C-alpha cells in the first residue's frame, strides 16, 4: 500500500495582511476620557505617511504634541517615543468604536504620569 502525504506550505501571498487597511480603523476624531487628568479632550488619529505600520495621534494626552503609534491588528502601541521633552509609552486595544488604553501617559525630567484612558470615536 502506498500512501502519499501532501503538505501545504503557506506563502507570503497566503498571509499578506494589508496593514494600511488595519490602520484605517484607527483614523478619525476621538473623544478622550483621561483618568489621570480627570478631564475630557479631543485627539485626531491620522495615517503616518512615512510608515505603513503606524498612525499619528495628534494632541496626545492634551499636550498639543503629535506622537507616532504602531498598529498591530486591534492593538496600538507607543514605544519609548521621545518628543518635545516628553518620553511616551502607551498601549491600548480597540473594540468597536473605543480604544481602551491600559497604559497611557508620559514622562518628563520631573514628572512620571501613568494612567488609563478611553478613546471614543466620533460619529
Protein backbone atom coordinates (compact mmCIF):
# COMPACT_ATOMS: atom_id res chain seq x y z
CA UNK A 1 0.00 0.00 0.00
CA UNK A 2 1.40 3.38 -1.00
CA UNK A 3 0.38 6.47 0.95
CA UNK A 4 1.21 9.87 -0.39
CA UNK A 5 1.22 12.76 2.02
CA UNK A 6 0.85 16.27 0.76
CA UNK A 7 1.92 19.16 2.95
CA UNK A 8 0.69 22.57 2.01
CA UNK A 9 3.02 25.44 2.66
CA UNK A 10 1.96 28.97 3.37
CA UNK A 11 3.40 31.59 1.11
CA UNK A 12 3.72 35.29 1.68
CA UNK A 13 0.76 35.80 -0.62
CA UNK A 14 -1.38 33.50 1.55
CA UNK A 15 -0.80 35.52 4.69
CA UNK A 16 -0.41 39.00 3.25
CA UNK A 17 -2.21 41.38 5.55
CA UNK A 18 -2.76 44.89 4.33
CA UNK A 19 -1.55 46.97 7.27
CA UNK A 20 -2.95 50.11 5.65
CA UNK A 21 -6.44 48.64 5.96
CA UNK A 22 -5.84 47.78 9.63
CA UNK A 23 -4.62 51.32 10.34
CA UNK A 24 -7.67 52.92 8.72
CA UNK A 25 -9.87 51.61 11.55
CA UNK A 26 -7.96 53.91 13.93
CA UNK A 27 -8.19 57.02 11.74
CA UNK A 28 -10.61 59.72 12.82
CA UNK A 29 -11.56 62.12 15.58
CA UNK A 30 -11.75 60.67 19.08
CA UNK A 31 -13.14 61.98 22.38
CA UNK A 32 -10.77 61.11 25.23
CA UNK A 33 -11.68 60.42 28.84
CA UNK A 34 -8.34 60.73 30.63
CA UNK A 35 -8.44 59.09 34.06
CA UNK A 36 -5.28 60.82 35.36
CA UNK A 37 -6.19 64.34 34.47
CA UNK A 38 -9.88 63.73 35.23
CA UNK A 39 -10.76 65.57 32.05
CA UNK A 40 -12.03 65.08 28.53
CA UNK A 41 -10.50 66.42 25.35
CA UNK A 42 -10.17 65.51 21.70
CA UNK A 43 -7.48 63.86 19.61
CA UNK A 44 -7.21 63.10 15.93
CA UNK A 45 -5.58 59.96 14.60
CA UNK A 46 -4.18 60.13 11.08
CA UNK A 47 -2.18 57.74 8.90
CA UNK A 48 1.60 58.05 9.15
CA UNK A 49 2.53 58.55 5.51
CA UNK A 50 6.16 57.58 6.21
CA UNK A 51 5.49 54.25 7.94
CA UNK A 52 2.87 51.73 6.81
CA UNK A 53 2.62 50.19 10.30
CA UNK A 54 1.98 53.46 12.14
CA UNK A 55 -0.58 56.15 12.77
CA UNK A 56 -0.04 59.57 14.37
CA UNK A 57 -2.02 60.72 17.41
CA UNK A 58 -2.43 64.50 17.29
CA UNK A 59 -2.77 66.23 20.69
CA UNK A 60 -1.61 63.19 22.68
CA UNK A 61 -2.58 63.50 26.38
CA UNK A 62 -3.86 67.02 25.66
CA UNK A 63 -0.23 68.16 25.45
CA UNK A 64 -0.56 69.58 21.94
CA UNK A 65 2.04 67.14 20.56
CA UNK A 66 1.86 64.60 17.74
CA UNK A 67 3.00 61.07 18.62
CA UNK A 68 3.53 58.10 16.28
CA UNK A 69 1.91 54.82 17.33
CA UNK A 70 2.32 51.29 15.97
CA UNK A 71 -0.82 49.40 14.95
CA UNK A 72 -0.96 45.60 15.08
CA UNK A 73 -4.43 44.22 14.48
CA UNK A 74 -6.67 45.82 17.10
CA UNK A 75 -3.73 46.81 19.32
CA UNK A 76 -1.96 50.16 19.34
CA UNK A 77 1.43 50.83 20.94
CA UNK A 78 3.68 53.78 21.63
CA UNK A 79 7.15 52.54 22.45
CA UNK A 80 9.58 54.95 24.11
CA UNK A 81 8.89 57.90 21.78
CA UNK A 82 10.91 60.98 22.71
CA UNK A 83 9.44 64.30 21.56
CA UNK A 84 9.41 67.90 22.81
CA UNK A 85 10.82 66.99 26.23
CA UNK A 86 8.48 64.03 26.79
CA UNK A 87 9.11 60.28 26.80
CA UNK A 88 5.95 58.43 25.86
CA UNK A 89 4.99 54.78 26.35
CA UNK A 90 1.43 53.54 25.97
CA UNK A 91 -0.64 50.60 24.82
CA UNK A 92 -4.28 50.13 24.04
CA UNK A 93 -6.79 47.85 22.39
CA UNK A 94 -9.59 48.83 20.02
CA UNK A 95 -13.01 47.24 20.42
CA UNK A 96 -15.61 48.65 18.04
CA UNK A 97 -15.65 52.43 18.39
CA UNK A 98 -13.47 52.60 21.52
CA UNK A 99 -9.80 52.26 22.35
CA UNK A 100 -9.15 51.23 25.94
CA UNK A 101 -5.65 52.32 26.96
CA UNK A 102 -4.40 50.13 29.83
CA UNK A 103 -1.27 52.26 29.90
CA UNK A 104 -1.47 55.89 28.82
CA UNK A 105 0.94 58.53 29.98
CA UNK A 106 4.20 60.38 29.62
CA UNK A 107 7.40 61.20 31.43
CA UNK A 108 9.45 64.38 31.77
CA UNK A 109 12.55 65.09 33.83
CA UNK A 110 10.34 65.95 36.82
CA UNK A 111 7.10 64.02 36.32
CA UNK A 112 6.03 60.47 35.52
CA UNK A 113 2.36 60.20 34.62
CA UNK A 114 0.99 56.67 34.24
CA UNK A 115 -2.69 56.37 33.64
CA UNK A 116 -5.57 54.79 31.77
CA UNK A 117 -7.78 56.41 29.18
CA UNK A 118 -10.64 55.59 26.86
CA UNK A 119 -10.95 56.99 23.35
CA UNK A 120 -14.42 57.00 21.79
CA UNK A 121 -14.66 57.57 18.04
CA UNK A 122 -16.80 60.48 16.91
CA UNK A 123 -19.73 59.72 14.61
